[in-house]
Protein backbone atom coordinates (compact mmCIF):
# COMPACT_ATOMS: atom_id res chain seq x y z
CA MET A 1 0.00 0.00 0.00
CA GLY A 2 1.69 3.16 -1.21
CA GLU A 3 -0.96 5.68 -0.17
CA GLU A 4 -1.69 6.61 3.41
CA VAL A 5 -4.94 5.41 4.95
CA ASP A 6 -7.10 8.15 6.50
CA PHE A 7 -9.16 7.26 9.58
CA ARG A 8 -12.14 9.55 10.08
CA LEU A 9 -15.78 9.85 11.03
CA ALA A 10 -18.25 9.07 8.25
CA LYS A 11 -19.98 12.03 6.58
CA PRO A 12 -23.34 12.09 4.77
CA ALA A 13 -21.43 12.48 1.49
CA ASP A 14 -19.96 9.00 2.14
CA ALA A 15 -23.38 7.30 1.95
CA LYS A 16 -23.03 5.80 -1.53
CA ALA A 17 -19.47 4.57 -0.95
CA LEU A 18 -20.40 3.27 2.49
CA LEU A 19 -23.27 1.19 1.11
CA ALA A 20 -20.91 -0.19 -1.56
CA LEU A 21 -18.34 -1.04 1.13
CA LEU A 22 -20.94 -2.85 3.26
CA SER A 23 -22.14 -4.81 0.24
CA GLN A 24 -18.60 -5.88 -0.66
CA LEU A 25 -17.80 -6.80 2.96
CA GLN A 26 -20.93 -8.91 3.16
CA GLN A 27 -19.89 -10.80 0.01
CA GLU A 28 -16.28 -11.28 1.10
CA SER A 29 -16.77 -12.49 4.64
CA ASP A 30 -18.83 -14.93 6.64
CA THR A 31 -17.73 -13.23 9.88
CA PHE A 32 -19.30 -9.88 9.02
CA LEU A 33 -23.01 -9.68 9.76
CA VAL A 34 -25.17 -6.77 8.59
CA ASP A 35 -28.72 -5.84 9.61
CA SER A 36 -31.31 -7.59 7.49
CA ASN A 37 -32.78 -4.30 6.16
CA PHE A 38 -29.40 -3.17 4.79
CA ASP A 39 -30.20 -4.13 1.18
CA SER A 40 -33.29 -1.90 1.11
CA LEU A 41 -31.52 1.30 2.26
CA THR A 42 -31.32 4.12 -0.25
CA ILE A 43 -28.34 6.46 -0.49
CA ASP A 44 -30.50 9.29 0.88
CA GLN A 45 -31.63 7.18 3.85
CA GLU A 46 -28.04 6.19 4.60
CA ALA A 47 -26.91 9.83 4.38
CA LYS A 48 -29.60 10.82 6.90
CA GLN A 49 -28.55 8.00 9.25
CA ILE A 50 -24.91 9.08 9.03
CA LYS A 51 -25.89 12.67 9.84
CA MET A 52 -27.95 11.57 12.87
CA ILE A 53 -25.20 9.29 14.13
CA ALA A 54 -22.59 12.05 13.75
CA GLN A 55 -24.60 14.14 16.22
CA SER A 56 -24.91 11.30 18.74
CA LYS A 57 -22.77 10.73 21.83
CA ARG A 58 -23.80 7.06 21.90
CA ASN A 59 -23.33 5.90 18.28
CA LEU A 60 -20.43 6.04 15.85
CA ILE A 61 -19.58 5.29 12.23
CA ALA A 62 -15.94 5.78 11.29
CA LEU A 63 -14.09 4.77 8.15
CA ALA A 64 -10.65 3.81 6.95
CA VAL A 65 -10.30 5.53 3.57
CA LEU A 66 -7.64 4.96 0.93
CA GLY A 67 -7.70 7.90 -1.48
CA THR A 68 -11.46 8.42 -1.73
CA THR A 69 -12.43 4.77 -1.29
CA PRO A 70 -13.56 3.37 2.08
CA ILE A 71 -11.73 0.12 2.82
CA GLY A 72 -12.80 -0.46 6.42
CA ILE A 73 -15.46 0.52 8.92
CA VAL A 74 -16.05 0.57 12.64
CA THR A 75 -19.41 1.21 14.26
CA VAL A 76 -20.61 1.61 17.81
CA ASP A 77 -24.33 1.10 18.40
CA ASN A 78 -25.87 1.99 21.75
CA LEU A 79 -28.21 -0.97 22.07
CA ARG A 80 -28.71 -1.13 25.83
CA ASP A 81 -28.14 1.12 28.84
CA ASN A 82 -24.76 2.83 28.58
CA GLN A 83 -23.19 0.05 26.51
CA GLY A 84 -22.13 0.29 22.88
CA GLU A 85 -21.75 -2.68 20.56
CA VAL A 86 -18.64 -2.50 18.39
CA GLY A 87 -18.58 -3.81 14.84
CA VAL A 88 -15.51 -3.65 12.62
CA ALA A 89 -14.64 -4.96 9.17
CA VAL A 90 -11.87 -4.43 6.64
CA LEU A 91 -11.86 -5.46 2.98
CA LYS A 92 -9.86 -8.67 2.44
CA ALA A 93 -7.27 -6.97 0.25
CA TYR A 94 -6.34 -4.65 3.14
CA GLN A 95 -6.35 -7.08 6.05
CA GLY A 96 -3.06 -7.57 7.88
CA PHE A 97 -2.03 -3.90 7.72
CA THR A 98 -3.30 -2.96 11.25
CA ILE A 99 -6.31 -1.18 9.76
CA GLY A 100 -8.73 -3.16 11.93
CA THR A 101 -6.65 -2.43 15.03
CA ASN A 102 -6.60 1.28 14.21
CA LEU A 103 -10.36 1.33 13.64
CA VAL A 104 -11.12 -0.36 16.97
CA ASP A 105 -8.62 1.95 18.68
CA LEU A 106 -10.44 4.93 17.13
CA ALA A 107 -13.75 3.61 18.51
CA ILE A 108 -12.26 3.18 21.99
CA GLU A 109 -10.78 6.67 21.93
CA TRP A 110 -14.11 8.14 20.77
CA ALA A 111 -15.98 6.21 23.47
CA THR A 112 -13.53 7.25 26.19
CA THR A 113 -13.19 10.93 25.29
CA PHE A 114 -16.50 11.87 23.65
CA SER A 115 -19.29 9.38 24.22
CA GLN A 116 -21.65 8.95 27.14
CA LEU A 117 -21.02 5.19 27.15
CA GLN A 118 -19.54 3.30 30.08
CA GLU A 119 -18.75 0.03 28.31
CA LEU A 120 -18.08 -1.37 24.85
CA PHE A 121 -18.95 -4.94 23.92
CA LEU A 122 -18.80 -7.13 20.85
CA THR A 123 -19.32 -10.66 19.68
CA VAL A 124 -16.81 -12.45 17.51
CA PHE A 125 -16.62 -15.93 16.07
CA GLU A 126 -14.24 -17.91 18.28
CA SER A 127 -12.47 -19.20 15.14
CA ASN A 128 -11.57 -15.63 14.09
CA ALA A 129 -8.27 -15.71 15.99
CA PRO A 130 -6.78 -12.52 14.44
CA ALA A 131 -9.81 -10.47 15.54
CA VAL A 132 -9.87 -12.02 19.03
CA HIS A 133 -6.17 -11.19 19.38
CA ILE A 134 -6.74 -7.55 18.35
CA TYR A 135 -9.61 -7.12 20.80
CA GLN A 136 -7.63 -8.65 23.67
CA LYS A 137 -4.61 -6.50 22.82
CA LEU A 138 -6.83 -3.41 23.06
CA GLY A 139 -8.18 -4.41 26.47
CA PHE A 140 -11.36 -6.38 25.74
CA LYS A 141 -11.99 -9.36 28.03
CA VAL A 142 -13.97 -12.52 27.18
CA THR A 143 -17.14 -12.41 29.29
CA GLY A 144 -19.28 -15.09 27.71
CA LYS A 145 -19.70 -17.73 25.06
CA GLY A 146 -22.55 -18.61 22.74
CA ARG A 147 -23.39 -19.95 19.32
CA LEU A 148 -24.64 -18.39 16.10
CA HIS A 149 -25.58 -20.62 13.16
CA ASP A 150 -23.90 -23.52 15.01
CA ARG A 151 -20.62 -21.60 15.25
CA PRO A 152 -18.99 -20.82 18.63
CA MET A 153 -19.05 -17.11 19.53
CA LEU A 154 -17.28 -15.09 22.20
CA GLU A 155 -18.72 -12.04 23.91
CA MET A 156 -16.05 -9.54 24.85
CA ARG A 157 -16.30 -6.35 26.93
CA LEU A 158 -14.24 -3.28 27.69
CA LYS A 159 -15.16 -1.09 30.67
CA LEU A 160 -14.19 2.41 29.58
CA ALA A 161 -13.34 3.70 33.07
CA ASP A 162 -10.78 0.88 33.42
CA HIS A 163 -9.18 1.38 30.01
CA ASP A 164 -5.44 2.08 30.07
CA TRP A 165 -3.93 3.58 26.94
CA PRO A 166 -0.76 1.84 25.74
CA ASP A 167 2.49 3.74 26.30
CA SER A 168 3.71 3.02 22.78
CA ASP A 169 2.34 2.40 19.31
CA GLU A 170 3.66 -1.17 19.07
CA ASP A 171 1.98 -3.28 16.44
């Protein structure tokens, strides 16, 4: 990768590219799950959602962008109490370049410094060892196990008040 990847909050103008990214991620991966109504969203509806989320202190959409093309995404959805569910995905061609780590780190920093959330949580397929490693490295702890479509899942949590920022940018 010759160009530098930009990590930033999504803007309404990103709606079309964001929907294309989500569609490609859904085709490329069986570990990335999208809401069932995703396929029926229009560009205008997505732009309005992005605008609403940008004004929220409990929800986040941020992108990894190469040039003008989104190549990764992280979301935080406030689904219950003061807890936000983290979702992250990176296009296959760009995996292994710490983009996922940087996106999750961005979500943690946002949650710690800006949000009204007290805890982040996520579920990950137990077989997705690289993702589990990233989450553990960033401070998430395994708090439960379950199954989805007969596949073992882990629930992981990060209490924001307890989060310690690393002293260095090792990766």
